[in-house]
Amino acid sequence: MELATTDQNAAKAFYSAVLGWAISDVPLGPDYVYTRFLLNGRTAASGCTMQEDERKMGIPPHWNLYVCVSSADETVKKAEQLGGKILAPAFDVMEHGRMAVIQDPTGAVFCTWQPKKHPGVGVVGEPGAFVWADLITRDPARAKQFYEGLFNWRIQVGQHDDSGYQHIKNGDKAIGGIPAAGDLDPKIPPHWMIYFAVADVDVTVAKATGVGARTFVPPTTMEQVGRFAVLADPQGAAFALFKPERRG
């Protein structure tokens, strides 16, 4: 998970206050610093300042989703064959890894990561860490075909679920989902929405709005699933919070 923002210092202050992240900055040039967000010493996410050409294109601040792959180059070839658009062909990120930027056939953008010295996040599922990702798209059927072909994910509607929400599984592990297209605001472009786990959604939303966040979806309970909210940080990058329902 990588934050692309217009104000890196403000973003560091915001996420430290809201999710409890510590900051580790890595200078990569005279005017460029890459930020690692740490949770109890483990990498939870990262962040950087958007490039000038991105701003000129009108791309807003956002969270990038990275998917781990064994070969960035082979994934690019397969993505093209499946109808994806390659926004950045596979390239080396120094000694850390090899990556590419891909737009799926429905318009959502994601990155792939072939690890070398940097394996990616070191913590998931805990409060303050990544827990889920939803693909927001108006063509779930086309998205299912693409991602199942690219990553061998299994994408299907859950048992006893009449909402049309499709669950994404990597092997036996549920990692995300695709909401029904009819539930989407037509003004919102296709994208991947990243969820971070929290101990209390309501408390975290109050804390976030107190330091400049906007609320898109207020704390909401999904029966037998959990409680969630969707926010935007002060620079405009959207993200979601989630606490699973306690079972038993």
Protein backbone atom coordinates (compact mmCIF):
# COMPACT_ATOMS: atom_id res chain seq x y z
CA MET A 1 0.00 0.00 0.00
CA GLU A 2 1.55 3.27 -1.13
CA LEU A 3 0.17 6.75 -0.62
CA ALA A 4 0.73 9.22 -3.44
CA THR A 5 0.09 12.68 -2.01
CA THR A 6 0.59 16.39 -2.66
CA ASP A 7 1.81 17.13 0.88
CA GLN A 8 3.97 14.36 2.27
CA ASN A 9 4.72 16.04 5.60
CA ALA A 10 1.04 16.76 6.28
CA ALA A 11 0.14 13.19 5.34
CA LYS A 12 2.74 11.80 7.72
CA ALA A 13 1.27 13.84 10.56
CA PHE A 14 -2.28 12.78 9.68
CA TYR A 15 -1.71 9.02 9.48
CA SER A 16 0.52 9.01 12.55
CA ALA A 17 -2.32 10.61 14.51
CA VAL A 18 -5.10 8.45 13.06
CA LEU A 19 -3.52 4.99 12.64
CA GLY A 20 -0.61 5.25 15.06
CA TRP A 21 2.08 4.87 12.44
CA ALA A 22 5.69 5.76 13.11
CA ILE A 23 7.70 7.42 10.35
CA SER A 24 10.89 6.25 8.66
CA ASP A 25 12.05 8.54 5.86
CA VAL A 26 14.48 7.32 3.19
CA PRO A 27 16.22 10.09 1.15
CA LEU A 28 16.35 9.13 -2.52
CA GLY A 29 17.69 12.37 -3.95
CA PRO A 30 18.36 16.02 -3.13
CA ASP A 31 14.64 16.89 -3.13
CA TYR A 32 12.96 13.50 -2.81
CA VAL A 33 12.17 11.45 0.29
CA TYR A 34 10.33 8.13 0.41
CA THR A 35 8.39 7.39 3.60
CA ARG A 36 7.88 4.04 5.28
CA PHE A 37 4.94 3.93 7.68
CA LEU A 38 5.75 1.60 10.57
CA LEU A 39 3.45 -0.22 13.00
CA ASN A 40 5.37 -1.54 15.99
CA GLY A 41 8.53 -1.55 13.89
CA ARG A 42 7.00 -3.39 10.93
CA THR A 43 6.21 -1.81 7.56
CA ALA A 44 2.45 -1.14 7.29
CA ALA A 45 2.50 1.07 4.17
CA SER A 46 4.59 3.66 2.38
CA GLY A 47 4.18 7.13 0.92
CA CYS A 48 5.65 9.60 -1.52
CA THR A 49 4.99 12.99 -3.11
CA MET A 50 3.23 12.88 -6.45
CA GLN A 51 5.26 13.78 -9.49
CA GLU A 52 4.56 17.03 -11.30
CA ASP A 53 3.38 15.25 -14.47
CA GLU A 54 0.77 13.36 -12.43
CA ARG A 55 -0.61 16.61 -11.05
CA LYS A 56 -0.73 18.17 -14.53
CA MET A 57 -2.77 15.18 -15.70
CA GLY A 58 -5.31 15.94 -12.98
CA ILE A 59 -4.63 12.76 -10.98
CA PRO A 60 -5.75 13.36 -7.38
CA PRO A 61 -3.92 12.11 -4.27
CA HIS A 62 -4.62 8.40 -3.87
CA TRP A 63 -3.59 5.08 -2.38
CA ASN A 64 -1.84 2.59 -4.70
CA LEU A 65 -2.48 -1.12 -4.26
CA TYR A 66 0.51 -3.40 -4.96
CA VAL A 67 0.09 -7.09 -5.77
CA CYS A 68 3.07 -9.38 -5.20
CA VAL A 69 4.14 -11.38 -8.27
CA SER A 70 6.96 -13.80 -9.08
CA SER A 71 7.79 -11.95 -12.31
CA ALA A 72 6.80 -8.35 -13.09
CA ASP A 73 7.70 -8.83 -16.76
CA GLU A 74 5.61 -11.96 -17.24
CA THR A 75 2.68 -10.33 -15.42
CA VAL A 76 2.84 -7.36 -17.80
CA LYS A 77 2.74 -9.68 -20.82
CA LYS A 78 -0.22 -11.60 -19.44
CA ALA A 79 -2.07 -8.41 -18.47
CA GLU A 80 -1.77 -7.13 -22.04
CA GLN A 81 -3.07 -10.41 -23.41
CA LEU A 82 -6.07 -10.17 -21.08
CA GLY A 83 -6.95 -6.65 -22.19
CA GLY A 84 -5.14 -4.58 -19.58
CA LYS A 85 -3.32 -1.33 -20.35
CA ILE A 86 0.31 -0.99 -19.28
CA LEU A 87 0.85 2.47 -17.79
CA ALA A 88 4.45 1.73 -16.75
CA PRO A 89 6.29 -1.36 -18.09
CA ALA A 90 8.30 -3.44 -15.63
CA PHE A 91 11.27 -1.54 -14.20
CA ASP A 92 13.74 -1.95 -11.35
CA VAL A 93 13.38 0.04 -8.14
CA MET A 94 17.08 0.00 -7.29
CA GLU A 95 17.86 -3.19 -5.38
CA HIS A 96 14.46 -3.30 -3.66
CA GLY A 97 12.31 -4.94 -6.34
CA ARG A 98 10.83 -4.73 -9.80
CA MET A 99 7.43 -3.20 -10.48
CA ALA A 100 4.90 -2.21 -13.12
CA VAL A 101 1.74 -0.10 -13.23
CA ILE A 102 -1.31 -1.63 -14.92
CA GLN A 103 -4.84 -0.46 -15.64
CA ASP A 104 -7.40 -3.25 -15.79
CA PRO A 105 -9.92 -3.35 -18.68
CA THR A 106 -12.56 -1.66 -16.54
CA GLY A 107 -10.31 1.31 -15.68
CA ALA A 108 -8.93 0.55 -12.20
CA VAL A 109 -5.17 1.03 -11.74
CA PHE A 110 -2.90 -1.17 -9.60
CA CYS A 111 0.81 -1.95 -9.29
CA THR A 112 2.68 -5.24 -9.29
CA TRP A 113 5.73 -5.90 -7.13
CA GLN A 114 8.41 -8.52 -7.68
CA PRO A 115 10.32 -8.50 -4.38
CA LYS A 116 14.08 -8.42 -4.14
CA LYS A 117 15.48 -6.83 -0.98
CA HIS A 118 12.13 -5.30 -0.01
CA PRO A 119 9.40 -7.94 0.52
CA GLY A 120 6.54 -5.48 0.99
CA VAL A 121 4.40 -4.96 4.07
CA GLY A 122 5.39 -6.73 7.26
CA VAL A 123 2.04 -6.65 9.06
CA VAL A 124 -1.57 -7.19 7.97
CA GLY A 125 -4.89 -7.66 9.74
CA GLU A 126 -3.92 -5.88 12.96
CA PRO A 127 -5.32 -2.49 14.00
CA GLY A 128 -3.47 0.07 11.92
CA ALA A 129 -2.59 -2.38 9.14
CA PHE A 130 -4.06 -3.38 5.77
CA VAL A 131 -6.97 -5.79 6.07
CA TRP A 132 -8.99 -5.76 2.81
CA ALA A 133 -9.31 -4.23 -0.68
CA ASP A 134 -12.44 -3.62 -2.72
CA LEU A 135 -12.38 -3.22 -6.48
CA ILE A 136 -14.81 -0.45 -7.38
CA THR A 137 -15.88 -1.06 -10.97
CA ARG A 138 -19.00 -0.84 -13.10
CA ASP A 139 -18.13 -4.07 -14.94
CA PRO A 140 -17.60 -6.80 -12.32
CA ALA A 141 -17.92 -9.58 -14.90
CA ARG A 142 -15.08 -8.18 -17.03
CA ALA A 143 -12.98 -7.56 -13.91
CA LYS A 144 -13.52 -11.13 -12.73
CA GLN A 145 -12.33 -12.49 -16.07
CA PHE A 146 -9.22 -10.29 -16.02
CA TYR A 147 -8.05 -10.86 -12.44
CA GLU A 148 -8.79 -14.57 -12.39
CA GLY A 149 -6.74 -14.92 -15.56
CA LEU A 150 -3.91 -12.70 -14.31
CA PHE A 151 -3.45 -13.82 -10.70
CA ASN A 152 -5.41 -17.10 -10.52
CA TRP A 153 -7.70 -15.51 -7.94
CA ARG A 154 -11.13 -17.05 -7.37
CA ILE A 155 -13.89 -14.44 -7.50
CA GLN A 156 -17.42 -15.45 -6.58
CA VAL A 157 -20.53 -14.41 -4.71
CA GLY A 158 -20.56 -15.72 -1.14
CA GLN A 159 -23.06 -18.32 0.01
CA HIS A 160 -26.38 -16.92 1.24
CA ASP A 161 -25.41 -13.47 -0.07
CA ASP A 162 -28.03 -11.81 -2.25
CA SER A 163 -26.26 -8.42 -2.42
CA GLY A 164 -24.23 -9.31 -5.51
CA TYR A 165 -20.95 -8.66 -3.65
CA GLN A 166 -18.19 -10.93 -4.96
CA HIS A 167 -15.40 -12.20 -2.72
CA ILE A 168 -11.82 -12.39 -3.99
CA LYS A 169 -9.75 -15.35 -2.80
CA ASN A 170 -6.04 -15.93 -3.28
CA GLY A 171 -5.84 -19.66 -2.71
CA ASP A 172 -7.96 -20.23 0.40
CA LYS A 173 -7.44 -16.73 1.78
CA ALA A 174 -10.09 -14.05 1.31
CA ILE A 175 -8.27 -10.81 0.40
CA GLY A 176 -10.91 -8.48 -1.02
CA GLY A 177 -14.09 -8.11 -2.97
CA ILE A 178 -16.04 -6.49 -5.79
CA PRO A 179 -19.27 -4.69 -4.83
CA ALA A 180 -22.30 -4.97 -7.11
CA ALA A 181 -22.18 -2.36 -9.87
CA GLY A 182 -25.68 -1.15 -9.05
CA ASP A 183 -24.49 0.08 -5.64
CA LEU A 184 -21.91 2.50 -7.09
CA ASP A 185 -22.05 6.24 -7.59
CA PRO A 186 -21.70 6.71 -11.37
CA LYS A 187 -19.48 9.77 -10.80
CA ILE A 188 -16.80 7.73 -9.03
CA PRO A 189 -14.14 6.33 -11.41
CA PRO A 190 -13.03 2.68 -11.15
CA HIS A 191 -10.37 2.18 -8.46
CA TRP A 192 -9.11 -0.08 -5.69
CA MET A 193 -10.27 0.96 -2.20
CA ILE A 194 -7.86 0.00 0.59
CA TYR A 195 -9.19 -0.88 4.05
CA PHE A 196 -7.18 -0.53 7.25
CA ALA A 197 -8.16 -2.44 10.38
CA VAL A 198 -8.94 -0.43 13.52
CA ALA A 199 -9.96 -1.29 17.08
CA ASP A 200 -12.96 1.09 16.98
CA VAL A 201 -14.31 2.57 13.74
CA ASP A 202 -16.31 5.36 15.42
CA VAL A 203 -13.44 6.52 17.59
CA THR A 204 -11.03 6.47 14.64
CA VAL A 205 -13.44 8.42 12.42
CA ALA A 206 -13.84 11.06 15.12
CA LYS A 207 -10.07 11.29 15.47
CA ALA A 208 -9.59 11.54 11.70
CA THR A 209 -12.22 14.23 11.17
CA GLY A 210 -10.70 16.14 14.06
CA VAL A 211 -7.46 16.44 12.11
CA GLY A 212 -8.95 17.32 8.74
CA ALA A 213 -10.44 14.17 7.19
CA ARG A 214 -13.66 14.19 5.18
CA THR A 215 -16.26 11.45 5.64
CA PHE A 216 -17.67 9.81 2.51
CA VAL A 217 -19.41 6.91 4.28
CA PRO A 218 -20.03 7.36 8.03
CA PRO A 219 -19.52 4.41 10.40
CA THR A 220 -21.85 1.70 9.11
CA THR A 221 -22.53 -1.83 10.30
CA MET A 222 -22.81 -4.76 7.91
CA GLU A 223 -24.55 -7.59 9.73
CA GLN A 224 -22.39 -10.67 10.25
CA VAL A 225 -19.45 -8.84 8.66
CA GLY A 226 -18.37 -5.83 10.71
CA ARG A 227 -18.34 -2.05 10.89
CA PHE A 228 -16.68 0.22 8.34
CA ALA A 229 -16.33 3.82 7.16
CA VAL A 230 -14.86 5.55 4.11
CA LEU A 231 -12.82 8.73 4.49
CA ALA A 232 -10.50 11.04 2.60
CA ASP A 233 -7.36 12.44 4.20
CA PRO A 234 -6.81 16.24 4.19
CA GLN A 235 -5.10 16.04 0.77
CA GLY A 236 -8.00 14.02 -0.72
CA ALA A 237 -6.73 10.41 -0.79
CA ALA A 238 -9.63 8.06 -0.04
CA PHE A 239 -9.31 5.04 2.23
CA ALA A 240 -11.56 2.87 4.40
CA LEU A 241 -11.57 1.66 7.99
CA PHE A 242 -12.87 -1.73 9.13
CA LYS A 243 -13.47 -3.71 12.29
CA PRO A 244 -14.76 -7.28 11.82
CA GLU A 245 -17.77 -8.44 13.77
CA ARG A 246 -16.86 -10.42 16.85
CA ARG A 247 -17.94 -14.03 16.45
CA GLY A 248 -18.91 -16.46 19.19
